[in-house]
Amino acid sequence: MYSFSDVYGNELTVSYLKRAAQTKKPSHAYIISGAAGSGKKLITRTFAKALQCEETYGAPCGKCVSCRTFDSMNHPDIIYVTSAANAKSIGVDDVRAQVLDKLSEKPFKYRFKIFIIEKGDTLTPAAQNALLKALEEPALYGVFLITAANVGKFLPTVLSRIIVLKTKPLPMVSVYNYLTEKAGVPEKDASEASGYCEGYIGKALSLLNDEEFAQLKLAAEDIIKNTRETYAGIFEAAKELEAYKPRMAELLSILQIMYRDIIIYKATKSEKHLIWKQNINCTKENASKFGMDILLKKMNAITYTMDILSKNASFAISADVLMMDLNPLAEEI
């Protein structure tokens, strides 16, 4: 549990952290950044475990008292900084109580006192300013390990005092091979998950256990296949998207992949470079039905909708415009 051997890819980051663990001379603060499912939690926790390991250098042994207490989540010198109950962000009071107050106390037993802050990009500005005090005058034994999806959420003054390490996506074939060879995932499921996960194994694994993902995929297929003959029909289709509002970004990502395959097949007349080969009938039908200009327009409409929704545009209006752009007959009405 929590071993560098479980980290797939990100060799440079792992090598860098192993050296820091081997010398027992880490920096006082790191941010491990990356998308959901990119392995940043695994990397961060493994590094913390390795730093406190009593038996080996560079990687956790998994057998010593420190490693075993870490795995049981009872390590006395590793603190997980969390938000208050039901809070969406880590506030200044959380930092004061869980970091500043505890940092004044020396480690209970081990070399370091490690503070793990997961989803560190949810730290409020006030919380970051409070954390800055610990970063400006770090205790010799204090180490901060922070994970974040969006480094841009941090104050410049905080970033200037932290080493930022970014996780990187893997090639689709590497994810596919991992799923089939190491995780024992059937080839069809592995192909679908590796095509959607954007190069992140964790995201692929979560999709395989996500019952709603199959429903999103069916909804995307229906959007592509279903012909609306009137504007009333188009607006009704847009209204139906309300049911998928909580996961609209994922639905749009699925649509992107499907239209990407249609465009690739239109250009090459080959299945070789398709991501979701199991959708070949739908892909062929739409490739023959529309010209390249129309298909590219549809793809641009999806990308534009993803962008404006991320900026809190009106969902209803965005859905209306999207369905008008995607509807096969919209330009003929």
Protein backbone atom coordinates (compact mmCIF):
# COMPACT_ATOMS: atom_id res chain seq x y z
CA MET A 1 0.00 0.00 0.00
CA TYR A 2 1.46 3.34 -1.11
CA SER A 3 4.63 2.30 -2.90
CA PHE A 4 6.58 4.01 -5.67
CA SER A 5 6.30 0.74 -7.62
CA ASP A 6 2.57 1.46 -7.92
CA VAL A 7 3.22 4.76 -9.71
CA TYR A 8 2.89 4.31 -13.48
CA GLY A 9 4.69 6.98 -15.49
CA ASN A 10 5.97 10.29 -14.07
CA GLU A 11 9.45 8.77 -13.82
CA LEU A 12 11.27 12.10 -13.43
CA THR A 13 9.05 13.23 -10.56
CA VAL A 14 9.35 9.89 -8.79
CA SER A 15 13.13 9.84 -9.25
CA TYR A 16 13.42 13.36 -7.85
CA LEU A 17 11.35 12.51 -4.77
CA LYS A 18 13.19 9.25 -4.20
CA ARG A 19 16.48 11.14 -4.03
CA ALA A 20 15.01 13.56 -1.49
CA ALA A 21 13.75 10.63 0.59
CA GLN A 22 17.08 8.82 0.31
CA THR A 23 19.08 11.77 1.61
CA LYS A 24 16.41 12.64 4.16
CA LYS A 25 16.86 16.24 3.06
CA PRO A 26 13.55 17.26 1.47
CA SER A 27 12.50 20.79 0.73
CA HIS A 28 10.11 22.23 3.28
CA ALA A 29 7.18 22.35 0.81
CA TYR A 30 6.00 20.71 -2.41
CA ILE A 31 2.93 20.96 -4.61
CA ILE A 32 2.12 17.88 -6.67
CA SER A 33 -0.23 19.16 -9.36
CA GLY A 34 -2.30 17.41 -11.97
CA ALA A 35 -5.76 16.48 -13.16
CA ALA A 36 -8.09 14.16 -11.28
CA GLY A 37 -6.85 10.60 -11.52
CA SER A 38 -3.30 11.61 -12.44
CA GLY A 39 -1.73 9.88 -9.43
CA LYS A 40 -0.85 12.95 -7.39
CA LYS A 41 -2.39 11.53 -4.20
CA LEU A 42 -0.49 8.25 -4.61
CA ILE A 43 2.79 10.08 -5.27
CA THR A 44 2.33 12.48 -2.36
CA ARG A 45 1.43 9.87 0.22
CA THR A 46 4.16 7.49 -0.92
CA PHE A 47 6.72 10.29 -0.57
CA ALA A 48 5.50 11.06 2.95
CA LYS A 49 5.70 7.38 3.84
CA ALA A 50 9.23 7.13 2.40
CA LEU A 51 10.45 10.17 4.35
CA GLN A 52 9.39 8.61 7.65
CA CYS A 53 10.44 5.02 6.85
CA GLU A 54 12.78 3.57 9.49
CA GLU A 55 14.34 0.75 7.50
CA THR A 56 15.12 1.83 3.94
CA TYR A 57 16.17 4.92 2.05
CA GLY A 58 14.47 6.24 -1.04
CA ALA A 59 11.35 4.10 -0.87
CA PRO A 60 9.10 2.89 1.97
CA CYS A 61 9.79 -0.64 3.20
CA GLY A 62 6.15 -1.25 4.13
CA LYS A 63 7.19 -3.31 7.17
CA CYS A 64 8.58 -0.97 9.84
CA VAL A 65 6.44 0.57 12.56
CA SER A 66 6.36 3.90 10.72
CA CYS A 67 5.16 2.37 7.44
CA ARG A 68 2.55 0.23 9.17
CA THR A 69 1.15 3.11 11.20
CA PHE A 70 1.09 5.20 8.02
CA ASP A 71 -0.95 2.56 6.21
CA SER A 72 -3.39 2.45 9.12
CA MET A 73 -3.74 6.27 8.94
CA ASN A 74 -2.51 6.55 12.54
CA HIS A 75 0.98 7.98 12.04
CA PRO A 76 1.67 10.41 14.90
CA ASP A 77 3.87 12.72 12.82
CA ILE A 78 1.79 12.95 9.65
CA ILE A 79 -1.13 15.38 9.76
CA TYR A 80 -3.86 15.51 7.12
CA VAL A 81 -5.16 19.04 6.85
CA THR A 82 -8.86 19.06 6.01
CA SER A 83 -11.72 21.53 5.76
CA ALA A 84 -14.44 21.95 8.32
CA ALA A 85 -17.42 19.63 7.97
CA ASN A 86 -19.36 20.20 4.71
CA ALA A 87 -17.10 23.10 3.74
CA LYS A 88 -15.97 23.30 0.12
CA SER A 89 -12.73 25.10 0.97
CA ILE A 90 -9.98 24.94 3.57
CA GLY A 91 -10.30 28.08 5.66
CA VAL A 92 -7.99 30.16 7.80
CA ASP A 93 -9.27 28.58 11.03
CA ASP A 94 -8.46 25.13 9.63
CA VAL A 95 -4.88 26.19 8.91
CA ARG A 96 -4.43 27.80 12.31
CA ALA A 97 -5.76 24.80 14.22
CA GLN A 98 -4.30 22.00 12.10
CA VAL A 99 -1.03 23.56 10.94
CA LEU A 100 0.21 26.55 12.91
CA ASP A 101 -0.70 25.23 16.35
CA LYS A 102 0.74 21.77 15.65
CA LEU A 103 3.85 23.06 13.91
CA SER A 104 4.94 24.67 17.16
CA GLU A 105 5.20 21.18 18.65
CA LYS A 106 8.21 19.04 17.80
CA PRO A 107 7.69 15.64 16.14
CA PHE A 108 6.34 12.98 18.46
CA LYS A 109 8.84 10.32 17.42
CA TYR A 110 10.08 10.60 13.85
CA ARG A 111 12.46 12.83 11.92
CA PHE A 112 9.79 15.02 10.31
CA LYS A 113 6.37 16.41 11.02
CA ILE A 114 4.62 16.18 7.66
CA PHE A 115 1.49 18.12 6.76
CA ILE A 116 -0.47 16.68 3.84
CA ILE A 117 -2.94 19.11 2.28
CA GLU A 118 -4.99 17.40 -0.42
CA LYS A 119 -7.03 19.62 -2.73
CA GLY A 120 -4.78 22.46 -1.69
CA ASP A 121 -6.22 24.66 -4.42
CA THR A 122 -9.32 24.97 -2.21
CA LEU A 123 -7.34 26.93 0.39
CA THR A 124 -8.95 30.34 0.72
CA PRO A 125 -6.73 33.42 0.26
CA ALA A 126 -6.85 34.01 4.01
CA ALA A 127 -5.84 30.41 4.66
CA GLN A 128 -2.96 30.74 2.22
CA ASN A 129 -1.76 33.88 3.94
CA ALA A 130 -1.84 32.03 7.26
CA LEU A 131 0.08 29.14 5.71
CA LEU A 132 2.60 31.64 4.35
CA LYS A 133 3.80 32.30 7.88
CA ALA A 134 4.89 28.67 8.17
CA LEU A 135 6.49 28.74 4.73
CA GLU A 136 8.45 31.94 5.37
CA GLU A 137 9.99 30.66 8.60
CA PRO A 138 9.86 26.88 8.21
CA ALA A 139 10.64 24.64 11.16
CA LEU A 140 13.57 22.33 10.40
CA TYR A 141 11.33 19.31 10.88
CA GLY A 142 8.29 20.67 9.04
CA VAL A 143 7.41 19.37 5.55
CA PHE A 144 4.33 20.42 3.57
CA LEU A 145 3.01 18.15 0.82
CA ILE A 146 0.16 19.69 -1.15
CA THR A 147 -1.88 18.27 -4.02
CA ALA A 148 -3.74 20.51 -6.43
CA ALA A 149 -5.55 20.34 -9.74
CA ASN A 150 -5.20 24.06 -10.41
CA VAL A 151 -1.94 25.71 -9.39
CA GLY A 152 -3.34 29.02 -10.59
CA LYS A 153 -5.48 29.17 -7.44
CA PHE A 154 -2.43 29.80 -5.27
CA LEU A 155 -1.16 33.22 -4.33
CA PRO A 156 2.14 34.16 -6.03
CA THR A 157 3.74 34.66 -2.62
CA VAL A 158 2.88 31.07 -1.68
CA LEU A 159 4.05 29.58 -4.99
CA SER A 160 7.38 31.39 -4.70
CA ARG A 161 8.17 29.36 -1.57
CA ILE A 162 7.10 25.92 -2.83
CA ILE A 163 8.55 23.44 -5.30
CA VAL A 164 5.88 22.58 -7.88
CA LEU A 165 5.98 19.15 -9.52
CA LYS A 166 3.48 18.40 -12.27
CA THR A 167 2.10 14.97 -13.11
CA LYS A 168 1.88 14.19 -16.81
CA PRO A 169 -0.66 12.18 -18.81
CA LEU A 170 0.36 8.86 -20.33
CA PRO A 171 -0.09 7.79 -23.95
CA MET A 172 -3.44 6.10 -24.51
CA VAL A 173 -1.73 2.81 -25.34
CA SER A 174 0.12 2.88 -22.00
CA VAL A 175 -3.14 3.30 -20.10
CA TYR A 176 -4.72 0.53 -22.17
CA ASN A 177 -1.80 -1.82 -21.46
CA TYR A 178 -1.95 -1.06 -17.74
CA LEU A 179 -5.67 -1.76 -17.61
CA THR A 180 -5.48 -5.03 -19.52
CA GLU A 181 -2.18 -6.38 -18.17
CA LYS A 182 -2.06 -5.14 -14.57
CA ALA A 183 -5.67 -4.43 -13.67
CA GLY A 184 -7.21 -7.35 -15.57
CA VAL A 185 -9.77 -5.18 -17.36
CA PRO A 186 -11.48 -6.72 -20.44
CA GLU A 187 -10.17 -5.31 -23.73
CA LYS A 188 -13.45 -3.63 -24.74
CA ASP A 189 -13.80 -1.82 -21.40
CA ALA A 190 -10.11 -0.92 -21.38
CA SER A 191 -10.36 0.55 -24.87
CA GLU A 192 -13.30 2.74 -23.89
CA ALA A 193 -11.81 3.91 -20.59
CA SER A 194 -8.32 4.59 -21.98
CA GLY A 195 -9.81 6.60 -24.82
CA TYR A 196 -11.71 8.88 -22.48
CA CYS A 197 -9.38 9.25 -19.47
CA GLU A 198 -7.00 11.79 -21.10
CA GLY A 199 -3.95 9.73 -20.17
CA TYR A 200 -4.70 9.32 -16.46
CA ILE A 201 -4.92 5.78 -15.07
CA GLY A 202 -6.78 6.84 -11.94
CA LYS A 203 -9.47 8.46 -14.02
CA ALA A 204 -9.74 5.35 -16.21
CA LEU A 205 -10.14 3.10 -13.16
CA SER A 206 -12.82 5.34 -11.68
CA LEU A 207 -14.77 5.27 -14.96
CA LEU A 208 -14.84 1.48 -14.92
CA ASN A 209 -16.69 1.62 -11.61
CA ASP A 210 -18.97 4.47 -12.66
CA GLU A 211 -22.42 3.21 -13.60
CA GLU A 212 -23.50 6.65 -14.78
CA PHE A 213 -20.72 6.83 -17.37
CA ALA A 214 -22.49 4.31 -19.59
CA GLN A 215 -25.62 6.45 -19.38
CA LEU A 216 -23.66 9.54 -20.40
CA LYS A 217 -22.26 7.69 -23.38
CA LEU A 218 -25.75 6.62 -24.47
CA ALA A 219 -26.93 10.22 -24.08
CA ALA A 220 -24.07 11.42 -26.31
CA GLU A 221 -24.92 8.82 -28.95
CA ASP A 222 -28.55 9.96 -28.86
CA ILE A 223 -27.53 13.59 -29.37
CA ILE A 224 -25.51 12.62 -32.43
CA LYS A 225 -28.08 10.25 -33.93
CA ASN A 226 -31.36 11.94 -33.07
CA THR A 227 -32.69 14.20 -35.82
CA ARG A 228 -34.80 17.20 -34.82
CA GLU A 229 -37.05 18.56 -37.57
CA THR A 230 -38.19 21.81 -35.95
CA TYR A 231 -36.80 24.46 -33.67
CA ALA A 232 -39.32 23.30 -31.07
CA GLY A 233 -37.70 19.88 -31.25
CA ILE A 234 -34.23 21.37 -30.93
CA PHE A 235 -35.20 23.39 -27.85
CA GLU A 236 -36.86 20.33 -26.34
CA ALA A 237 -33.60 18.40 -26.83
CA ALA A 238 -31.73 21.24 -25.15
CA LYS A 239 -34.14 21.13 -22.22
CA GLU A 240 -33.45 17.40 -21.84
CA LEU A 241 -29.81 18.24 -21.15
CA GLU A 242 -30.85 19.64 -17.76
CA ALA A 243 -30.84 16.06 -16.48
CA TYR A 244 -27.09 15.89 -17.17
CA LYS A 245 -26.21 19.33 -15.78
CA PRO A 246 -24.11 18.00 -12.84
CA ARG A 247 -21.93 16.04 -15.29
CA MET A 248 -22.24 18.21 -18.37
CA ALA A 249 -18.47 18.62 -18.72
CA GLU A 250 -18.12 14.84 -18.99
CA LEU A 251 -20.96 14.57 -21.49
CA LEU A 252 -19.30 17.21 -23.66
CA SER A 253 -15.97 15.39 -23.41
CA ILE A 254 -17.65 12.21 -24.66
CA LEU A 255 -19.20 14.14 -27.54
CA GLN A 256 -15.76 15.51 -28.39
CA ILE A 257 -14.32 12.02 -28.66
CA MET A 258 -17.20 10.81 -30.82
CA TYR A 259 -16.96 13.75 -33.22
CA ARG A 260 -13.19 13.42 -33.25
CA ASP A 261 -13.60 9.82 -34.46
CA ILE A 262 -16.15 10.89 -37.08
CA ILE A 263 -13.78 13.55 -38.42
CA ILE A 264 -10.80 11.16 -38.46
CA TYR A 265 -12.80 8.52 -40.32
CA LYS A 266 -14.13 11.12 -42.74
CA ALA A 267 -10.57 12.14 -43.57
CA THR A 268 -8.93 8.69 -43.69
CA LYS A 269 -11.69 6.12 -44.34
CA SER A 270 -9.79 3.96 -41.85
CA GLU A 271 -10.60 2.62 -38.38
CA LYS A 272 -6.93 2.52 -37.39
CA HIS A 273 -6.81 5.83 -35.52
CA LEU A 274 -10.27 5.74 -33.94
CA ILE A 275 -10.49 5.94 -30.16
CA TRP A 276 -13.84 4.19 -29.77
CA LYS A 277 -13.91 1.56 -32.49
CA GLN A 278 -17.01 -0.02 -30.96
CA ASN A 279 -19.01 2.99 -32.21
CA ILE A 280 -18.00 2.36 -35.81
CA ASN A 281 -21.54 2.21 -37.23
CA CYS A 282 -22.46 5.63 -35.82
CA THR A 283 -19.06 6.97 -36.88
CA LYS A 284 -19.41 5.78 -40.48
CA GLU A 285 -23.00 7.01 -40.78
CA ASN A 286 -22.17 10.55 -39.67
CA ALA A 287 -18.94 10.68 -41.67
CA SER A 288 -20.90 10.01 -44.85
CA LYS A 289 -23.84 12.21 -43.88
CA PHE A 290 -21.99 15.49 -43.28
CA GLY A 291 -19.24 17.45 -44.98
CA MET A 292 -16.00 18.21 -43.20
CA ASP A 293 -16.92 21.88 -42.70
CA ILE A 294 -20.11 20.94 -40.85
CA LEU A 295 -18.34 18.36 -38.69
CA LEU A 296 -15.65 20.85 -37.71
CA LYS A 297 -18.33 23.38 -36.87
CA LYS A 298 -19.97 20.86 -34.55
CA MET A 299 -16.67 20.11 -32.85
CA ASN A 300 -16.01 23.83 -32.37
CA ALA A 301 -19.49 24.26 -30.90
CA ILE A 302 -18.75 21.60 -28.28
CA THR A 303 -15.40 23.16 -27.40
CA TYR A 304 -16.97 26.61 -27.14
CA THR A 305 -19.75 25.31 -24.88
CA MET A 306 -17.22 23.66 -22.57
CA ASP A 307 -15.36 26.95 -22.32
CA ILE A 308 -18.32 29.21 -21.57
CA LEU A 309 -19.86 26.79 -19.06
CA SER A 310 -16.54 26.72 -17.20
CA LYS A 311 -16.95 30.50 -16.91
CA ASN A 312 -20.44 30.19 -15.42
CA ALA A 313 -22.43 31.07 -18.52
CA SER A 314 -26.18 30.41 -18.47
CA PHE A 315 -26.68 26.65 -18.78
CA ALA A 316 -30.08 26.95 -20.49
CA ILE A 317 -28.91 29.40 -23.15
CA SER A 318 -25.67 27.46 -23.73
CA ALA A 319 -27.66 24.25 -24.19
CA ASP A 320 -30.03 25.93 -26.68
CA VAL A 321 -27.19 27.26 -28.81
CA LEU A 322 -25.28 23.97 -28.64
CA MET A 323 -28.22 21.91 -29.82
CA MET A 324 -28.88 24.32 -32.69
CA ASP A 325 -25.26 23.93 -33.80
CA LEU A 326 -25.31 20.14 -33.43
CA ASN A 327 -28.74 19.41 -34.90
CA PRO A 328 -28.37 17.92 -38.36
CA LEU A 329 -31.30 19.89 -39.80
CA ALA A 330 -30.77 23.16 -37.99
CA GLU A 331 -29.25 24.87 -41.00
CA GLU A 332 -32.08 23.72 -43.27
CA ILE A 333 -35.00 24.88 -41.12
